[in-house]
Structures are given as C-alpha cells and as structure tokens.
Amino acid sequence: MGVKVRVSRLELRILDALWVIGRGSARQVLEEFEARPGGQNLAYTTVQTILTRLERKSAVRRLRKVGTHRWPRHEGCDFRGGP
C-alpha cells in the first residue's frame, strides 16, 4: 500500500498535470496545467514552489541534470592561470 500524502487542491491540480505528461520540467508542468480545462494562469515560480513542496511531502521526486544552468564567459577575464 502506498504512502498517503495530504495535498492542497492546487497541489492536486499540479500533480494531475504532471501525471498527464509523465515526467517534465516545471515549465512543461505549467504549460500542461494552463492548457487543461479550467486551468488558471500561474507564475512559473509558483509552479516551482509547489513542486518543491510536493517533493518535501514525497509526492514527487526531482531528477537533477548536470548542465541545466549555463553562464556566458566573462570576456574581460583570462582563466588560463598564471600572470
């Protein structure tokens, strides 16, 4: 038998969107959520927060991938080492 987790109505609607797509980023969950009948417009950060709360409740699991953040090289710096 699975673990019972208490979730809010909004959390349940976010979970429903996630279950439809199976696996996805917060952006993909947001797009599915908004495309559903009665889907309201939510901020991306709101969906991120809800998914983080659901992770703390063990309702979802986050898969972290290396390389999801990218920063451009600062043109004024030389990182080759030495003077």
PDB file of N, CA and C in Angstrom:
ATOM      1  N   MET A   1       0.844  -1.174   0.000  1.00  0.00           N
ATOM      2  CA  MET A   1       0.000   0.000   0.000  1.00  0.00           C
ATOM      3  C   MET A   1       0.891   1.240   0.000  1.00  0.00           C
ATOM      4  N   GLY A   2       0.506   2.263  -0.791  1.00  0.00           N
ATOM      5  CA  GLY A   2       1.296   3.476  -0.917  1.00  0.00           C
ATOM      6  C   GLY A   2       1.187   4.369   0.302  1.00  0.00           C
ATOM      7  N   VAL A   3       2.063   5.323   0.348  1.00  0.00           N
ATOM      8  CA  VAL A   3       2.074   6.298   1.435  1.00  0.00           C
ATOM      9  C   VAL A   3       1.024   7.360   1.142  1.00  0.00           C
ATOM     10  N   LYS A   4       0.237   7.719   2.135  1.00  0.00           N
ATOM     11  CA  LYS A   4      -0.779   8.753   1.964  1.00  0.00           C
ATOM     12  C   LYS A   4      -0.157  10.115   2.249  1.00  0.00           C
ATOM     13  N   VAL A   5      -0.399  11.044   1.333  1.00  0.00           N
ATOM     14  CA  VAL A   5       0.150  12.390   1.444  1.00  0.00           C
ATOM     15  C   VAL A   5      -1.005  13.377   1.350  1.00  0.00           C
ATOM     16  N   ARG A   6      -1.033  14.328   2.247  1.00  0.00           N
ATOM     17  CA  ARG A   6      -2.068  15.373   2.203  1.00  0.00           C
ATOM     18  C   ARG A   6      -1.593  16.487   1.293  1.00  0.00           C
ATOM     19  N   VAL A   7      -2.425  16.829   0.321  1.00  0.00           N
ATOM     20  CA  VAL A   7      -2.088  17.906  -0.601  1.00  0.00           C
ATOM     21  C   VAL A   7      -3.272  18.873  -0.715  1.00  0.00           C
ATOM     22  N   SER A   8      -2.949  20.102  -1.056  1.00  0.00           N
ATOM     23  CA  SER A   8      -3.988  21.110  -1.265  1.00  0.00           C
ATOM     24  C   SER A   8      -4.653  20.884  -2.625  1.00  0.00           C
ATOM     25  N   ARG A   9      -5.723  21.603  -2.890  1.00  0.00           N
ATOM     26  CA  ARG A   9      -6.398  21.493  -4.190  1.00  0.00           C
ATOM     27  C   ARG A   9      -5.469  21.895  -5.329  1.00  0.00           C
ATOM     28  N   LEU A  10      -4.735  22.989  -5.138  1.00  0.00           N
ATOM     29  CA  LEU A  10      -3.819  23.447  -6.178  1.00  0.00           C
ATOM     30  C   LEU A  10      -2.702  22.433  -6.391  1.00  0.00           C
ATOM     31  N   GLU A  11      -2.161  21.877  -5.308  1.00  0.00           N
ATOM     32  CA  GLU A  11      -1.127  20.849  -5.431  1.00  0.00           C
ATOM     33  C   GLU A  11      -1.667  19.639  -6.192  1.00  0.00           C
ATOM     34  N   LEU A  12      -2.902  19.270  -5.924  1.00  0.00           N
ATOM     35  CA  LEU A  12      -3.519  18.139  -6.608  1.00  0.00           C
ATOM     36  C   LEU A  12      -3.672  18.426  -8.096  1.00  0.00           C
ATOM     37  N   ARG A  13      -4.040  19.642  -8.438  1.00  0.00           N
ATOM     38  CA  ARG A  13      -4.164  20.015  -9.857  1.00  0.00           C
ATOM     39  C   ARG A  13      -2.801  20.019 -10.551  1.00  0.00           C
ATOM     40  N   ILE A  14      -1.756  20.449  -9.844  1.00  0.00           N
ATOM     41  CA  ILE A  14      -0.407  20.403 -10.396  1.00  0.00           C
ATOM     42  C   ILE A  14       0.020  18.940 -10.582  1.00  0.00           C
ATOM     43  N   LEU A  15      -0.260  18.094  -9.610  1.00  0.00           N
ATOM     44  CA  LEU A  15       0.049  16.668  -9.732  1.00  0.00           C
ATOM     45  C   LEU A  15      -0.684  16.048 -10.915  1.00  0.00           C
ATOM     46  N   ASP A  16      -1.937  16.432 -11.112  1.00  0.00           N
ATOM     47  CA  ASP A  16      -2.721  15.919 -12.231  1.00  0.00           C
ATOM     48  C   ASP A  16      -2.060  16.277 -13.559  1.00  0.00           C
ATOM     49  N   ALA A  17      -1.591  17.518 -13.688  1.00  0.00           N
ATOM     50  CA  ALA A  17      -0.893  17.944 -14.908  1.00  0.00           C
ATOM     51  C   ALA A  17       0.393  17.145 -15.089  1.00  0.00           C
ATOM     52  N   LEU A  18       1.109  16.910 -14.003  1.00  0.00           N
ATOM     53  CA  LEU A  18       2.349  16.135 -14.071  1.00  0.00           C
ATOM     54  C   LEU A  18       2.069  14.694 -14.477  1.00  0.00           C
ATOM     55  N   TRP A  19       1.012  14.113 -13.943  1.00  0.00           N
ATOM     56  CA  TRP A  19       0.682  12.728 -14.281  1.00  0.00           C
ATOM     57  C   TRP A  19       0.339  12.594 -15.765  1.00  0.00           C
ATOM     58  N   VAL A  20      -0.274  13.613 -16.351  1.00  0.00           N
ATOM     59  CA  VAL A  20      -0.621  13.571 -17.774  1.00  0.00           C
ATOM     60  C   VAL A  20       0.634  13.522 -18.630  1.00  0.00           C
ATOM     61  N   ILE A  21       1.636  14.351 -18.301  1.00  0.00           N
ATOM     62  CA  ILE A  21       2.851  14.376 -19.117  1.00  0.00           C
ATOM     63  C   ILE A  21       3.860  13.301 -18.706  1.00  0.00           C
ATOM     64  N   GLY A  22       3.696  12.749 -17.529  1.00  0.00           N
ATOM     65  CA  GLY A  22       4.556  11.656 -17.075  1.00  0.00           C
ATOM     66  C   GLY A  22       5.815  12.124 -16.371  1.00  0.00           C
ATOM     67  N   ARG A  23       6.585  12.947 -17.041  1.00  0.00           N
ATOM     68  CA  ARG A  23       7.825  13.490 -16.479  1.00  0.00           C
ATOM     69  C   ARG A  23       8.081  14.792 -17.224  1.00  0.00           C
ATOM     70  N   GLY A  24       8.483  15.807 -16.489  1.00  0.00           N
ATOM     71  CA  GLY A  24       8.749  17.061 -17.173  1.00  0.00           C
ATOM     72  C   GLY A  24       9.300  18.124 -16.254  1.00  0.00           C
ATOM     73  N   SER A  25       9.711  19.192 -16.869  1.00  0.00           N
ATOM     74  CA  SER A  25      10.232  20.338 -16.131  1.00  0.00           C
ATOM     75  C   SER A  25       9.068  21.143 -15.552  1.00  0.00           C
ATOM     76  N   ALA A  26       9.402  22.083 -14.689  1.00  0.00           N
ATOM     77  CA  ALA A  26       8.370  22.963 -14.141  1.00  0.00           C
ATOM     78  C   ALA A  26       7.662  23.719 -15.266  1.00  0.00           C
ATOM     79  N   ARG A  27       8.405  24.108 -16.292  1.00  0.00           N
ATOM     80  CA  ARG A  27       7.823  24.809 -17.444  1.00  0.00           C
ATOM     81  C   ARG A  27       6.809  23.923 -18.160  1.00  0.00           C
ATOM     82  N   GLN A  28       7.150  22.651 -18.367  1.00  0.00           N
ATOM     83  CA  GLN A  28       6.236  21.727 -19.031  1.00  0.00           C
ATOM     84  C   GLN A  28       4.991  21.464 -18.191  1.00  0.00           C
ATOM     85  N   VAL A  29       5.176  21.357 -16.887  1.00  0.00           N
ATOM     86  CA  VAL A  29       4.027  21.176 -15.994  1.00  0.00           C
ATOM     87  C   VAL A  29       3.125  22.411 -16.066  1.00  0.00           C
ATOM     88  N   LEU A  30       3.723  23.592 -16.056  1.00  0.00           N
ATOM     89  CA  LEU A  30       2.955  24.835 -16.152  1.00  0.00           C
ATOM     90  C   LEU A  30       2.161  24.879 -17.454  1.00  0.00           C
ATOM     91  N   GLU A  31       2.794  24.527 -18.569  1.00  0.00           N
ATOM     92  CA  GLU A  31       2.104  24.549 -19.865  1.00  0.00           C
ATOM     93  C   GLU A  31       0.928  23.577 -19.888  1.00  0.00           C
ATOM     94  N   GLU A  32       1.118  22.378 -19.344  1.00  0.00           N
ATOM     95  CA  GLU A  32       0.022  21.406 -19.284  1.00  0.00           C
ATOM     96  C   GLU A  32      -1.078  21.886 -18.346  1.00  0.00           C
ATOM     97  N   PHE A  33      -0.697  22.449 -17.214  1.00  0.00           N
ATOM     98  CA  PHE A  33      -1.661  22.959 -16.244  1.00  0.00           C
ATOM     99  C   PHE A  33      -2.548  24.028 -16.881  1.00  0.00           C
ATOM    100  N   GLU A  34      -1.925  24.973 -17.581  1.00  0.00           N
ATOM    101  CA  GLU A  34      -2.681  26.073 -18.183  1.00  0.00           C
ATOM    102  C   GLU A  34      -3.532  25.613 -19.363  1.00  0.00           C
ATOM    103  N   ALA A  35      -3.146  24.517 -20.030  1.00  0.00           N
ATOM    104  CA  ALA A  35      -3.892  24.010 -21.176  1.00  0.00           C
ATOM    105  C   ALA A  35      -5.129  23.209 -20.768  1.00  0.00           C
ATOM    106  N   ARG A  36      -5.188  22.792 -19.527  1.00  0.00           N
ATOM    107  CA  ARG A  36      -6.299  21.971 -19.053  1.00  0.00           C
ATOM    108  C   ARG A  36      -7.557  22.814 -18.874  1.00  0.00           C
ATOM    109  N   PRO A  37      -8.736  22.199 -19.018  1.00  0.00           N
ATOM    110  CA  PRO A  37      -9.981  22.943 -18.778  1.00  0.00           C
ATOM    111  C   PRO A  37      -9.992  23.546 -17.368  1.00  0.00           C
ATOM    112  N   GLY A  38     -10.294  24.810 -17.292  1.00  0.00           N
ATOM    113  CA  GLY A  38     -10.310  25.495 -16.007  1.00  0.00           C
ATOM    114  C   GLY A  38      -8.936  25.869 -15.510  1.00  0.00           C
ATOM    115  N   GLY A  39      -7.920  25.649 -16.329  1.00  0.00           N
ATOM    116  CA  GLY A  39      -6.552  25.973 -15.923  1.00  0.00           C
ATOM    117  C   GLY A  39      -6.367  27.470 -15.802  1.00  0.00           C
ATOM    118  N   GLN A  40      -5.891  27.893 -14.669  1.00  0.00           N
ATOM    119  CA  GLN A  40      -5.663  29.315 -14.447  1.00  0.00           C
ATOM    120  C   GLN A  40      -4.231  29.663 -14.801  1.00  0.00           C
ATOM    121  N   ASN A  41      -3.964  30.931 -14.996  1.00  0.00           N
ATOM    122  CA  ASN A  41      -2.608  31.375 -15.264  1.00  0.00           C
ATOM    123  C   ASN A  41      -1.842  31.440 -13.947  1.00  0.00           C
ATOM    124  N   LEU A  42      -0.758  30.706 -13.892  1.00  0.00           N
ATOM    125  CA  LEU A  42       0.110  30.723 -12.719  1.00  0.00           C
ATOM    126  C   LEU A  42       1.489  31.217 -13.142  1.00  0.00           C
ATOM    127  N   ALA A  43       2.199  31.801 -12.227  1.00  0.00           N
ATOM    128  CA  ALA A  43       3.580  32.180 -12.483  1.00  0.00           C
ATOM    129  C   ALA A  43       4.441  30.914 -12.472  1.00  0.00           C
ATOM    130  N   TYR A  44       5.477  30.921 -13.279  1.00  0.00           N
ATOM    131  CA  TYR A  44       6.424  29.811 -13.335  1.00  0.00           C
ATOM    132  C   TYR A  44       6.992  29.520 -11.945  1.00  0.00           C
ATOM    133  N   THR A  45       7.311  30.580 -11.204  1.00  0.00           N
ATOM    134  CA  THR A  45       7.892  30.398  -9.871  1.00  0.00           C
ATOM    135  C   THR A  45       6.899  29.760  -8.907  1.00  0.00           C
ATOM    136  N   THR A  46       5.615  30.007  -9.124  1.00  0.00           N
ATOM    137  CA  THR A  46       4.593  29.369  -8.288  1.00  0.00           C
ATOM    138  C   THR A  46       4.606  27.862  -8.503  1.00  0.00           C
ATOM    139  N   VAL A  47       4.704  27.456  -9.757  1.00  0.00           N
ATOM    140  CA  VAL A  47       4.749  26.018 -10.058  1.00  0.00           C
ATOM    141  C   VAL A  47       6.016  25.404  -9.470  1.00  0.00           C
ATOM    142  N   GLN A  48       7.148  26.083  -9.595  1.00  0.00           N
ATOM    143  CA  GLN A  48       8.391  25.594  -8.991  1.00  0.00           C
ATOM    144  C   GLN A  48       8.224  25.405  -7.486  1.00  0.00           C
ATOM    145  N   THR A  49       7.628  26.387  -6.823  1.00  0.00           N
ATOM    146  CA  THR A  49       7.420  26.312  -5.374  1.00  0.00           C
ATOM    147  C   THR A  49       6.527  25.139  -5.010  1.00  0.00           C
ATOM    148  N   ILE A  50       5.446  24.960  -5.758  1.00  0.00           N
ATOM    149  CA  ILE A  50       4.522  23.863  -5.467  1.00  0.00           C
ATOM    150  C   ILE A  50       5.213  22.511  -5.672  1.00  0.00           C
ATOM    151  N   LEU A  51       5.986  22.387  -6.749  1.00  0.00           N
ATOM    152  CA  LEU A  51       6.705  21.131  -6.982  1.00  0.00           C
ATOM    153  C   LEU A  51       7.734  20.864  -5.878  1.00  0.00           C
ATOM    154  N   THR A  52       8.374  21.909  -5.383  1.00  0.00           N
ATOM    155  CA  THR A  52       9.324  21.754  -4.278  1.00  0.00           C
ATOM    156  C   THR A  52       8.603  21.293  -3.013  1.00  0.00           C
ATOM    157  N   ARG A  53       7.440  21.878  -2.751  1.00  0.00           N
ATOM    158  CA  ARG A  53       6.649  21.439  -1.581  1.00  0.00           C
ATOM    159  C   ARG A  53       6.215  19.989  -1.733  1.00  0.00           C
ATOM    160  N   LEU A  54       5.801  19.615  -2.946  1.00  0.00           N
ATOM    161  CA  LEU A  54       5.391  18.235  -3.189  1.00  0.00           C
ATOM    162  C   LEU A  54       6.570  17.279  -3.041  1.00  0.00           C
ATOM    163  N   GLU A  55       7.758  17.742  -3.386  1.00  0.00           N
ATOM    164  CA  GLU A  55       8.952  16.918  -3.182  1.00  0.00           C
ATOM    165  C   GLU A  55       9.201  16.707  -1.686  1.00  0.00           C
ATOM    166  N   ARG A  56       9.041  17.774  -0.894  1.00  0.00           N
ATOM    167  CA  ARG A  56       9.216  17.644   0.567  1.00  0.00           C
ATOM    168  C   ARG A  56       8.203  16.694   1.171  1.00  0.00           C
ATOM    169  N   LYS A  57       7.013  16.623   0.557  1.00  0.00           N
ATOM    170  CA  LYS A  57       5.967  15.719   1.034  1.00  0.00           C
ATOM    171  C   LYS A  57       6.125  14.315   0.452  1.00  0.00           C
ATOM    172  N   SER A  58       7.161  14.105  -0.347  1.00  0.00           N
ATOM    173  CA  SER A  58       7.438  12.823  -1.016  1.00  0.00           C
ATOM    174  C   SER A  58       6.353  12.436  -2.007  1.00  0.00           C
ATOM    175  N   ALA A  59       5.683  13.432  -2.578  1.00  0.00           N
ATOM    176  CA  ALA A  59       4.660  13.163  -3.589  1.00  0.00           C
ATOM    177  C   ALA A  59       5.271  13.125  -4.986  1.00  0.00           C
ATOM    178  N   VAL A  60       6.404  13.779  -5.173  1.00  0.00           N
ATOM    179  CA  VAL A  60       7.143  13.749  -6.438  1.00  0.00           C
ATOM    180  C   VAL A  60       8.620  13.601  -6.124  1.00  0.00           C
ATOM    181  N   ARG A  61       9.376  13.271  -7.143  1.00  0.00           N
ATOM    182  CA  ARG A  61      10.826  13.153  -6.992  1.00  0.00           C
ATOM    183  C   ARG A  61      11.473  14.013  -8.059  1.00  0.00           C
ATOM    184  N   ARG A  62      12.457  14.793  -7.673  1.00  0.00           N
ATOM    185  CA  ARG A  62      13.160  15.668  -8.606  1.00  0.00           C
ATOM    186  C   ARG A  62      14.362  14.937  -9.182  1.00  0.00           C
ATOM    187  N   LEU A  63      14.480  14.989 -10.479  1.00  0.00           N
ATOM    188  CA  LEU A  63      15.657  14.453 -11.156  1.00  0.00           C
ATOM    189  C   LEU A  63      16.493  15.651 -11.573  1.00  0.00           C
ATOM    190  N   ARG A  64      17.680  15.736 -11.030  1.00  0.00           N
ATOM    191  CA  ARG A  64      18.553  16.867 -11.341  1.00  0.00           C
ATOM    192  C   ARG A  64      19.530  16.468 -12.427  1.00  0.00           C
ATOM    193  N   LYS A  65      19.653  17.339 -13.399  1.00  0.00           N
ATOM    194  CA  LYS A  65      20.564  17.081 -14.507  1.00  0.00           C
ATOM    195  C   LYS A  65      21.689  18.092 -14.486  1.00  0.00           C
ATOM    196  N   VAL A  66      22.880  17.622 -14.755  1.00  0.00           N
ATOM    197  CA  VAL A  66      24.043  18.498 -14.842  1.00  0.00           C
ATOM    198  C   VAL A  66      23.933  19.287 -16.134  1.00  0.00           C
ATOM    199  N   GLY A  67      24.285  20.567 -16.061  1.00  0.00           N
ATOM    200  CA  GLY A  67      24.299  21.386 -17.262  1.00  0.00           C
ATOM    201  C   GLY A  67      23.011  22.128 -17.546  1.00  0.00           C
ATOM    202  N   THR A  68      22.088  22.135 -16.600  1.00  0.00           N
ATOM    203  CA  THR A  68      20.849  22.862 -16.848  1.00  0.00           C
ATOM    204  C   THR A  68      21.041  24.357 -16.679  1.00  0.00           C
ATOM    205  N   HIS A  69      22.086  24.758 -15.966  1.00  0.00           N
ATOM    206  CA  HIS A  69      22.391  26.175 -15.817  1.00  0.00           C
ATOM    207  C   HIS A  69      23.607  26.494 -16.666  1.00  0.00           C
ATOM    208  N   ARG A  70      23.522  27.576 -17.391  1.00  0.00           N
ATOM    209  CA  ARG A  70      24.657  27.992 -18.226  1.00  0.00           C
ATOM    210  C   ARG A  70      24.908  29.468 -18.018  1.00  0.00           C
ATOM    211  N   TRP A  71      26.165  29.818 -17.906  1.00  0.00           N
ATOM    212  CA  TRP A  71      26.555  31.216 -17.772  1.00  0.00           C
ATOM    213  C   TRP A  71      27.528  31.543 -18.883  1.00  0.00           C
ATOM    214  N   PRO A  72      27.418  32.717 -19.492  1.00  0.00           N
ATOM    215  CA  PRO A  72      28.391  33.081 -20.527  1.00  0.00           C
ATOM    216  C   PRO A  72      29.739  33.411 -19.899  1.00  0.00           C
ATOM    217  N   ARG A  73      30.783  33.190 -20.661  1.00  0.00           N
ATOM    218  CA  ARG A  73      32.135  33.514 -20.201  1.00  0.00           C
ATOM    219  C   ARG A  73      32.285  35.023 -20.130  1.00  0.00           C
ATOM    220  N   HIS A  74      32.905  35.505 -19.081  1.00  0.00           N
ATOM    221  CA  HIS A  74      33.163  36.941 -18.927  1.00  0.00           C
ATOM    222  C   HIS A  74      34.323  37.292 -19.847  1.00  0.00           C
ATOM    223  N   GLU A  75      34.078  38.150 -20.819  1.00  0.00           N
ATOM    224  CA  GLU A  75      35.079  38.451 -21.852  1.00  0.00           C
ATOM    225  C   GLU A  75      36.318  39.149 -21.305  1.00  0.00           C
ATOM    226  N   GLY A  76      36.209  39.830 -20.162  1.00  0.00           N
ATOM    227  CA  GLY A  76      37.347  40.563 -19.631  1.00  0.00           C
ATOM    228  C   GLY A  76      38.263  39.740 -18.751  1.00  0.00           C
ATOM    229  N   CYS A  77      38.013  38.436 -18.583  1.00  0.00           N
ATOM    230  CA  CYS A  77      38.812  37.602 -17.680  1.00  0.00           C
ATOM    231  C   CYS A  77      39.570  36.545 -18.456  1.00  0.00           C
ATOM    232  N   ASP A  78      40.748  36.211 -17.936  1.00  0.00           N
ATOM    233  CA  ASP A  78      41.577  35.174 -18.533  1.00  0.00           C
ATOM    234  C   ASP A  78      41.778  34.107 -17.458  1.00  0.00           C
ATOM    235  N   PHE A  79      41.234  32.932 -17.675  1.00  0.00           N
ATOM    236  CA  PHE A  79      41.292  31.861 -16.686  1.00  0.00           C
ATOM    237  C   PHE A  79      42.312  30.792 -17.036  1.00  0.00           C
ATOM    238  N   ARG A  80      43.305  31.121 -17.843  1.00  0.00           N
ATOM    239  CA  ARG A  80      44.317  30.134 -18.231  1.00  0.00           C
ATOM    240  C   ARG A  80      45.340  29.909 -17.133  1.00  0.00           C
ATOM    241  N   GLY A  81      45.325  30.733 -16.104  1.00  0.00           N
ATOM    242  CA  GLY A  81      46.254  30.556 -14.986  1.00  0.00           C
ATOM    243  C   GLY A  81      47.537  31.332 -15.223  1.00  0.00           C
ATOM    244  N   GLY A  82      48.193  31.672 -14.143  1.00  0.00           N
ATOM    245  CA  GLY A  82      49.448  32.409 -14.230  1.00  0.00           C
ATOM    246  C   GLY A  82      49.228  33.896 -14.459  1.00  0.00           C
ATOM    247  N   PRO A  83      50.290  34.693 -14.382  1.00  0.00           N
ATOM    248  CA  PRO A  83      50.152  36.148 -14.564  1.00  0.00           C
ATOM    249  C   PRO A  83      49.989  36.537 -16.012  1.00  0.00           C
TER     250      PRO A  83
END
